[in-house]
PDB file of N, CA and C in Angstrom:
ATOM      1  N   MET A   1      37.650  92.394  87.042  1.00  0.00           N
ATOM      2  CA  MET A   1      37.715  93.659  86.350  1.00  0.00           C
ATOM      3  C   MET A   1      37.702  93.387  84.852  1.00  0.00           C
ATOM      4  N   GLU A   2      36.838  94.074  84.145  1.00  0.00           N
ATOM      5  CA  GLU A   2      36.697  93.902  82.696  1.00  0.00           C
ATOM      6  C   GLU A   2      37.710  94.785  81.946  1.00  0.00           C
ATOM      7  N   PHE A   3      38.297  94.227  80.901  1.00  0.00           N
ATOM      8  CA  PHE A   3      39.231  94.951  80.044  1.00  0.00           C
ATOM      9  C   PHE A   3      38.831  94.762  78.588  1.00  0.00           C
ATOM     10  N   GLN A   4      38.991  95.803  77.820  1.00  0.00           N
ATOM     11  CA  GLN A   4      38.918  95.720  76.367  1.00  0.00           C
ATOM     12  C   GLN A   4      40.357  95.771  75.859  1.00  0.00           C
ATOM     13  N   SER A   5      40.615  95.173  74.724  1.00  0.00           N
ATOM     14  CA  SER A   5      41.945  95.203  74.147  1.00  0.00           C
ATOM     15  C   SER A   5      42.452  96.648  74.080  1.00  0.00           C
ATOM     16  N   GLY A   6      43.643  96.881  74.613  1.00  0.00           N
ATOM     17  CA  GLY A   6      44.235  98.219  74.617  1.00  0.00           C
ATOM     18  C   GLY A   6      44.014  98.991  75.908  1.00  0.00           C
ATOM     19  N   ASN A   7      43.101  98.531  76.766  1.00  0.00           N
ATOM     20  CA  ASN A   7      42.879  99.202  78.057  1.00  0.00           C
ATOM     21  C   ASN A   7      44.100  99.048  78.948  1.00  0.00           C
ATOM     22  N   ILE A   8      44.393 100.094  79.692  1.00  0.00           N
ATOM     23  CA  ILE A   8      45.426 100.059  80.720  1.00  0.00           C
ATOM     24  C   ILE A   8      44.779 100.576  81.995  1.00  0.00           C
ATOM     25  N   LYS A   9      44.760  99.732  83.032  1.00  0.00           N
ATOM     26  CA  LYS A   9      44.099 100.094  84.287  1.00  0.00           C
ATOM     27  C   LYS A   9      44.937  99.651  85.475  1.00  0.00           C
ATOM     28  N   SER A  10      44.743 100.365  86.586  1.00  0.00           N
ATOM     29  CA  SER A  10      45.351  99.987  87.852  1.00  0.00           C
ATOM     30  C   SER A  10      44.458  98.953  88.535  1.00  0.00           C
ATOM     31  N   ILE A  11      45.078  97.879  89.022  1.00  0.00           N
ATOM     32  CA  ILE A  11      44.360  96.798  89.696  1.00  0.00           C
ATOM     33  C   ILE A  11      44.906  96.652  91.108  1.00  0.00           C
ATOM     34  N   LYS A  12      44.015  96.556  92.089  1.00  0.00           N
ATOM     35  CA  LYS A  12      44.451  96.279  93.455  1.00  0.00           C
ATOM     36  C   LYS A  12      44.942  94.837  93.510  1.00  0.00           C
ATOM     37  N   ILE A  13      46.127  94.644  94.125  1.00  0.00           N
ATOM     38  CA  ILE A  13      46.723  93.312  94.228  1.00  0.00           C
ATOM     39  C   ILE A  13      46.972  92.970  95.691  1.00  0.00           C
ATOM     40  N   LYS A  14      47.268  91.690  95.945  1.00  0.00           N
ATOM     41  CA  LYS A  14      47.679  91.292  97.290  1.00  0.00           C
ATOM     42  C   LYS A  14      48.960  92.048  97.610  1.00  0.00           C
ATOM     43  N   GLU A  15      49.043  92.555  98.832  1.00  0.00           N
ATOM     44  CA  GLU A  15      50.189  93.374  99.231  1.00  0.00           C
ATOM     45  C   GLU A  15      51.493  92.576  99.162  1.00  0.00           C
ATOM     46  N   ILE A  16      52.493  93.185  98.536  1.00  0.00           N
ATOM     47  CA  ILE A  16      53.825  92.585  98.420  1.00  0.00           C
ATOM     48  C   ILE A  16      54.794  93.471  99.199  1.00  0.00           C
ATOM     49  N   PRO A  17      55.374  92.986 100.309  1.00  0.00           N
ATOM     50  CA  PRO A  17      56.338  93.800 101.054  1.00  0.00           C
ATOM     51  C   PRO A  17      57.646  93.933 100.271  1.00  0.00           C
ATOM     52  N   ILE A  18      58.217  95.125 100.308  1.00  0.00           N
ATOM     53  CA  ILE A  18      59.497  95.386  99.647  1.00  0.00           C
ATOM     54  C   ILE A  18      60.437  95.972 100.696  1.00  0.00           C
ATOM     55  N   GLN A  19      61.522  95.284 100.939  1.00  0.00           N
ATOM     56  CA  GLN A  19      62.476  95.726 101.956  1.00  0.00           C
ATOM     57  C   GLN A  19      63.149  97.031 101.535  1.00  0.00           C
ATOM     58  N   ALA A  20      63.648  97.748 102.525  1.00  0.00           N
ATOM     59  CA  ALA A  20      64.412  98.965 102.242  1.00  0.00           C
ATOM     60  C   ALA A  20      65.627  98.606 101.396  1.00  0.00           C
ATOM     61  N   ASN A  21      65.999  99.485 100.494  1.00  0.00           N
ATOM     62  CA  ASN A  21      67.158  99.332  99.610  1.00  0.00           C
ATOM     63  C   ASN A  21      67.031  98.137  98.659  1.00  0.00           C
ATOM     64  N   TYR A  22      65.804  97.799  98.284  1.00  0.00           N
ATOM     65  CA  TYR A  22      65.558  96.798  97.260  1.00  0.00           C
ATOM     66  C   TYR A  22      64.917  97.486  96.057  1.00  0.00           C
ATOM     67  N   ILE A  23      65.292  97.058  94.873  1.00  0.00           N
ATOM     68  CA  ILE A  23      64.671  97.561  93.648  1.00  0.00           C
ATOM     69  C   ILE A  23      63.840  96.439  93.038  1.00  0.00           C
ATOM     70  N   SER A  24      62.873  96.824  92.245  1.00  0.00           N
ATOM     71  CA  SER A  24      61.990  95.825  91.654  1.00  0.00           C
ATOM     72  C   SER A  24      62.021  95.912  90.134  1.00  0.00           C
ATOM     73  N   PHE A  25      61.858  94.753  89.512  1.00  0.00           N
ATOM     74  CA  PHE A  25      61.752  94.637  88.064  1.00  0.00           C
ATOM     75  C   PHE A  25      60.588  93.708  87.771  1.00  0.00           C
ATOM     76  N   LEU A  26      59.863  93.975  86.725  1.00  0.00           N
ATOM     77  CA  LEU A  26      58.849  93.034  86.264  1.00  0.00           C
ATOM     78  C   LEU A  26      59.453  92.205  85.144  1.00  0.00           C
ATOM     79  N   SER A  27      59.241  90.918  85.211  1.00  0.00           N
ATOM     80  CA  SER A  27      59.758  90.027  84.183  1.00  0.00           C
ATOM     81  C   SER A  27      59.169  90.400  82.827  1.00  0.00           C
ATOM     82  N   GLY A  28      59.994  90.406  81.822  1.00  0.00           N
ATOM     83  CA  GLY A  28      59.543  90.704  80.468  1.00  0.00           C
ATOM     84  C   GLY A  28      58.826  89.529  79.817  1.00  0.00           C
ATOM     85  N   TYR A  29      58.931  88.363  80.431  1.00  0.00           N
ATOM     86  CA  TYR A  29      58.251  87.186  79.897  1.00  0.00           C
ATOM     87  C   TYR A  29      56.782  87.248  80.290  1.00  0.00           C
ATOM     88  N   GLY A  30      55.888  87.148  79.333  1.00  0.00           N
ATOM     89  CA  GLY A  30      54.457  87.247  79.606  1.00  0.00           C
ATOM     90  C   GLY A  30      53.962  86.126  80.501  1.00  0.00           C
ATOM     91  N   SER A  31      53.318  86.481  81.601  1.00  0.00           N
ATOM     92  CA  SER A  31      52.793  85.496  82.548  1.00  0.00           C
ATOM     93  C   SER A  31      51.279  85.391  82.477  1.00  0.00           C
ATOM     94  N   ASN A  32      50.653  86.291  81.744  1.00  0.00           N
ATOM     95  CA  ASN A  32      49.204  86.302  81.621  1.00  0.00           C
ATOM     96  C   ASN A  32      48.878  86.359  80.134  1.00  0.00           C
ATOM     97  N   SER A  33      48.045  85.456  79.668  1.00  0.00           N
ATOM     98  CA  SER A  33      47.774  85.366  78.225  1.00  0.00           C
ATOM     99  C   SER A  33      46.923  86.521  77.697  1.00  0.00           C
ATOM    100  N   TYR A  34      46.378  87.358  78.594  1.00  0.00           N
ATOM    101  CA  TYR A  34      45.520  88.467  78.165  1.00  0.00           C
ATOM    102  C   TYR A  34      46.244  89.818  78.087  1.00  0.00           C
ATOM    103  N   GLY A  35      47.436  89.910  78.664  1.00  0.00           N
ATOM    104  CA  GLY A  35      48.135  91.188  78.655  1.00  0.00           C
ATOM    105  C   GLY A  35      49.363  91.131  79.541  1.00  0.00           C
ATOM    106  N   HIS A  36      49.804  92.312  79.983  1.00  0.00           N
ATOM    107  CA  HIS A  36      51.070  92.384  80.709  1.00  0.00           C
ATOM    108  C   HIS A  36      50.999  93.414  81.829  1.00  0.00           C
ATOM    109  N   ALA A  37      51.594  93.072  82.964  1.00  0.00           N
ATOM    110  CA  ALA A  37      51.747  94.027  84.063  1.00  0.00           C
ATOM    111  C   ALA A  37      52.874  94.993  83.698  1.00  0.00           C
ATOM    112  N   LEU A  38      52.620  96.285  83.837  1.00  0.00           N
ATOM    113  CA  LEU A  38      53.606  97.298  83.462  1.00  0.00           C
ATOM    114  C   LEU A  38      54.384  97.843  84.652  1.00  0.00           C
ATOM    115  N   GLU A  39      53.731  97.885  85.821  1.00  0.00           N
ATOM    116  CA  GLU A  39      54.386  98.420  87.013  1.00  0.00           C
ATOM    117  C   GLU A  39      53.616  97.995  88.247  1.00  0.00           C
ATOM    118  N   VAL A  40      54.273  98.103  89.396  1.00  0.00           N
ATOM    119  CA  VAL A  40      53.596  97.969  90.681  1.00  0.00           C
ATOM    120  C   VAL A  40      53.855  99.252  91.449  1.00  0.00           C
ATOM    121  N   ASP A  41      52.930  99.594  92.340  1.00  0.00           N
ATOM    122  CA  ASP A  41      53.106 100.813  93.111  1.00  0.00           C
ATOM    123  C   ASP A  41      52.262 100.771  94.375  1.00  0.00           C
ATOM    124  N   GLU A  42      52.356 101.840  95.131  1.00  0.00           N
ATOM    125  CA  GLU A  42      51.521 102.024  96.311  1.00  0.00           C
ATOM    126  C   GLU A  42      50.974 103.438  96.272  1.00  0.00           C
ATOM    127  N   GLU A  43      49.978 103.697  97.116  1.00  0.00           N
ATOM    128  CA  GLU A  43      49.288 104.989  97.072  1.00  0.00           C
ATOM    129  C   GLU A  43      50.245 106.164  97.251  1.00  0.00           C
ATOM    130  N   ILE A  44      51.144 106.060  98.223  1.00  0.00           N
ATOM    131  CA  ILE A  44      52.117 107.134  98.466  1.00  0.00           C
ATOM    132  C   ILE A  44      53.508 106.580  98.192  1.00  0.00           C
ATOM    133  N   PRO A  45      54.152 106.994  97.099  1.00  0.00           N
ATOM    134  CA  PRO A  45      55.500 106.501  96.795  1.00  0.00           C
ATOM    135  C   PRO A  45      56.487 106.883  97.899  1.00  0.00           C
ATOM    136  N   LEU A  46      57.320 105.939  98.298  1.00  0.00           N
ATOM    137  CA  LEU A  46      58.322 106.174  99.337  1.00  0.00           C
ATOM    138  C   LEU A  46      59.716 106.027  98.742  1.00  0.00           C
ATOM    139  N   PRO A  47      60.723 106.633  99.389  1.00  0.00           N
ATOM    140  CA  PRO A  47      62.099 106.503  98.899  1.00  0.00           C
ATOM    141  C   PRO A  47      62.587 105.059  98.956  1.00  0.00           C
ATOM    142  N   LEU A  48      63.522 104.740  98.112  1.00  0.00           N
ATOM    143  CA  LEU A  48      64.125 103.414  98.057  1.00  0.00           C
ATOM    144  C   LEU A  48      64.691 102.998  99.415  1.00  0.00           C
ATOM    145  N   SER A  49      65.139 103.941 100.208  1.00  0.00           N
ATOM    146  CA  SER A  49      65.772 103.649 101.500  1.00  0.00           C
ATOM    147  C   SER A  49      64.778 103.248 102.593  1.00  0.00           C
ATOM    148  N   MET A  50      63.484 103.266 102.304  1.00  0.00           N
ATOM    149  CA  MET A  50      62.464 102.911 103.291  1.00  0.00           C
ATOM    150  C   MET A  50      61.785 101.592 102.902  1.00  0.00           C
ATOM    151  N   LYS A  51      61.222 100.908 103.907  1.00  0.00           N
ATOM    152  CA  LYS A  51      60.387  99.738 103.619  1.00  0.00           C
ATOM    153  C   LYS A  51      59.162 100.212 102.858  1.00  0.00           C
ATOM    154  N   ARG A  52      58.774  99.442 101.856  1.00  0.00           N
ATOM    155  CA  ARG A  52      57.627  99.804 101.028  1.00  0.00           C
ATOM    156  C   ARG A  52      56.739  98.594 100.819  1.00  0.00           C
ATOM    157  N   LYS A  53      55.644  98.807 100.128  1.00  0.00           N
ATOM    158  CA  LYS A  53      54.772  97.697  99.771  1.00  0.00           C
ATOM    159  C   LYS A  53      54.122  98.012  98.430  1.00  0.00           C
ATOM    160  N   ALA A  54      53.979  97.005  97.629  1.00  0.00           N
ATOM    161  CA  ALA A  54      53.234  97.165  96.378  1.00  0.00           C
ATOM    162  C   ALA A  54      51.819  96.672  96.641  1.00  0.00           C
ATOM    163  N   ASP A  55      50.827  97.501  96.324  1.00  0.00           N
ATOM    164  CA  ASP A  55      49.440  97.074  96.519  1.00  0.00           C
ATOM    165  C   ASP A  55      48.561  97.343  95.300  1.00  0.00           C
ATOM    166  N   HIS A  56      49.163  97.834  94.217  1.00  0.00           N
ATOM    167  CA  HIS A  56      48.461  98.033  92.951  1.00  0.00           C
ATOM    168  C   HIS A  56      49.402  97.645  91.805  1.00  0.00           C
ATOM    169  N   ALA A  57      48.840  97.180  90.718  1.00  0.00           N
ATOM    170  CA  ALA A  57      49.610  96.886  89.509  1.00  0.00           C
ATOM    171  C   ALA A  57      48.905  97.538  88.323  1.00  0.00           C
ATOM    172  N   MET A  58      49.672  98.112  87.431  1.00  0.00           N
ATOM    173  CA  MET A  58      49.135  98.662  86.189  1.00  0.00           C
ATOM    174  C   MET A  58      49.157  97.531  85.164  1.00  0.00           C
ATOM    175  N   PHE A  59      47.990  97.229  84.596  1.00  0.00           N
ATOM    176  CA  PHE A  59      47.872  96.110  83.663  1.00  0.00           C
ATOM    177  C   PHE A  59      47.397  96.615  82.316  1.00  0.00           C
ATOM    178  N   ALA A  60      48.082  96.192  81.254  1.00  0.00           N
ATOM    179  CA  ALA A  60      47.714  96.552  79.880  1.00  0.00           C
ATOM    180  C   ALA A  60      47.155  95.301  79.200  1.00  0.00           C
ATOM    181  N   ALA A  61      45.913  95.391  78.750  1.00  0.00           N
ATOM    182  CA  ALA A  61      45.258  94.247  78.116  1.00  0.00           C
ATOM    183  C   ALA A  61      45.569  94.194  76.624  1.00  0.00           C
ATOM    184  N   ALA A  62      45.973  93.026  76.156  1.00  0.00           N
ATOM    185  CA  ALA A  62      46.197  92.806  74.731  1.00  0.00           C
ATOM    186  C   ALA A  62      44.956  92.219  74.073  1.00  0.00           C
ATOM    187  N   LYS A  63      44.065  91.649  74.881  1.00  0.00           N
ATOM    188  CA  LYS A  63      42.830  91.023  74.401  1.00  0.00           C
ATOM    189  C   LYS A  63      41.681  91.445  75.304  1.00  0.00           C
ATOM    190  N   ASN A  64      40.470  91.346  74.821  1.00  0.00           N
ATOM    191  CA  ASN A  64      39.307  91.528  75.679  1.00  0.00           C
ATOM    192  C   ASN A  64      39.339  90.419  76.732  1.00  0.00           C
ATOM    193  N   CYS A  65      39.121  90.798  77.993  1.00  0.00           N
ATOM    194  CA  CYS A  65      39.234  89.789  79.041  1.00  0.00           C
ATOM    195  C   CYS A  65      38.585  90.260  80.337  1.00  0.00           C
ATOM    196  N   GLU A  66      38.525  89.344  81.267  1.00  0.00           N
ATOM    197  CA  GLU A  66      38.124  89.653  82.632  1.00  0.00           C
ATOM    198  C   GLU A  66      39.226  89.136  83.548  1.00  0.00           C
ATOM    199  N   ILE A  67      39.822  90.024  84.325  1.00  0.00           N
ATOM    200  CA  ILE A  67      40.841  89.642  85.289  1.00  0.00           C
ATOM    201  C   ILE A  67      40.124  89.379  86.610  1.00  0.00           C
ATOM    202  N   LYS A  68      40.367  88.190  87.164  1.00  0.00           N
ATOM    203  CA  LYS A  68      39.687  87.774  88.381  1.00  0.00           C
ATOM    204  C   LYS A  68      40.657  87.732  89.557  1.00  0.00           C
ATOM    205  N   LYS A  69      40.093  87.709  90.754  1.00  0.00           N
ATOM    206  CA  LYS A  69      40.890  87.607  91.969  1.00  0.00           C
ATOM    207  C   LYS A  69      41.789  86.375  91.863  1.00  0.00           C
ATOM    208  N   ASP A  70      43.026  86.524  92.282  1.00  0.00           N
ATOM    209  CA  ASP A  70      44.051  85.478  92.292  1.00  0.00           C
ATOM    210  C   ASP A  70      44.619  85.133  90.920  1.00  0.00           C
ATOM    211  N   ASP A  71      44.239  85.850  89.845  1.00  0.00           N
ATOM    212  CA  ASP A  71      44.895  85.651  88.551  1.00  0.00           C
ATOM    213  C   ASP A  71      46.336  86.154  88.635  1.00  0.00           C
ATOM    214  N   LEU A  72      47.251  85.456  87.999  1.00  0.00           N
ATOM    215  CA  LEU A  72      48.640  85.887  87.937  1.00  0.00           C
ATOM    216  C   LEU A  72      48.767  86.966  86.873  1.00  0.00           C
ATOM    217  N   LEU A  73      49.233  88.152  87.256  1.00  0.00           N
ATOM    218  CA  LEU A  73      49.389  89.262  86.315  1.00  0.00           C
ATOM    219  C   LEU A  73      50.799  89.343  85.754  1.00  0.00           C
ATOM    220  N   GLY A  74      51.787  88.960  86.562  1.00  0.00           N
ATOM    221  CA  GLY A  74      53.174  89.050  86.154  1.00  0.00           C
ATOM    222  C   GLY A  74      54.071  88.525  87.249  1.00  0.00           C
ATOM    223  N   VAL A  75      55.377  88.603  87.010  1.00  0.00           N
ATOM    224  CA  VAL A  75      56.371  88.142  87.970  1.00  0.00           C
ATOM    225  C   VAL A  75      57.221  89.339  88.383  1.00  0.00           C
ATOM    226  N   LEU A  76      57.259  89.601  89.692  1.00  0.00           N
ATOM    227  CA  LEU A  76      58.030  90.709  90.237  1.00  0.00           C
ATOM    228  C   LEU A  76      59.354  90.181  90.772  1.00  0.00           C
ATOM    229  N   ILE A  77      60.439  90.807  90.378  1.00  0.00           N
ATOM    230  CA  ILE A  77      61.782  90.427  90.811  1.00  0.00           C
ATOM    231  C   ILE A  77      62.282  91.507  91.759  1.00  0.00           C
ATOM    232  N   LEU A  78      62.712  91.107  92.946  1.00  0.00           N
ATOM    233  CA  LEU A  78      63.224  92.057  93.948  1.00  0.00           C
ATOM    234  C   LEU A  78      64.701  91.774  94.165  1.00  0.00           C
ATOM    235  N   LEU A  79      65.518  92.821  94.056  1.00  0.00           N
ATOM    236  CA  LEU A  79      66.963  92.685  94.211  1.00  0.00           C
ATOM    237  C   LEU A  79      67.504  93.752  95.153  1.00  0.00           C
ATOM    238  N   PRO A  80      68.477  93.390  96.016  1.00  0.00           N
ATOM    239  CA  PRO A  80      69.081  94.402  96.882  1.00  0.00           C
ATOM    240  C   PRO A  80      69.908  95.386  96.055  1.00  0.00           C
ATOM    241  N   ALA A  81      69.928  96.621  96.520  1.00  0.00           N
ATOM    242  CA  ALA A  81      70.686  97.670  95.817  1.00  0.00           C
ATOM    243  C   ALA A  81      71.557  98.401  96.823  1.00  0.00           C
ATOM    244  N   ASN A  82      72.790  98.707  96.430  1.00  0.00           N
ATOM    245  CA  ASN A  82      73.672  99.537  97.257  1.00  0.00           C
ATOM    246  C   ASN A  82      73.636 100.945  96.703  1.00  0.00           C
ATOM    247  N   LEU A  83      73.198 101.878  97.521  1.00  0.00           N
ATOM    248  CA  LEU A  83      73.119 103.258  97.088  1.00  0.00           C
ATOM    249  C   LEU A  83      74.461 103.947  97.282  1.00  0.00           C
ATOM    250  N   THR A  84      74.918 104.649  96.257  1.00  0.00           N
ATOM    251  CA  THR A  84      76.143 105.436  96.365  1.00  0.00           C
ATOM    252  C   THR A  84      75.805 106.879  96.061  1.00  0.00           C
ATOM    253  N   HIS A  85      76.340 107.760  96.824  1.00  0.00           N
ATOM    254  CA  HIS A  85      76.063 109.197  96.632  1.00  0.00           C
ATOM    255  C   HIS A  85      77.347 109.939  96.399  1.00  0.00           C
TER     256      HIS A  85
END
């Protein structure tokens, strides 16, 4: 996928399973020299209490570049969460 500096686009990624009651964070440390992953998501957002999967990532390009299959976009951190109501 081609990017110009400043472009922000959704990229299809390898599916990442997310267990129920887990929250996700993207590492603030840059893992890709061309830009940064801003978020991961799936086509239909599901509640935190359900099993989910990330299959897209929003990527913001800092430089003109081409993102290729298997390029590392960022680091996703998954942590268990206890919900209180």
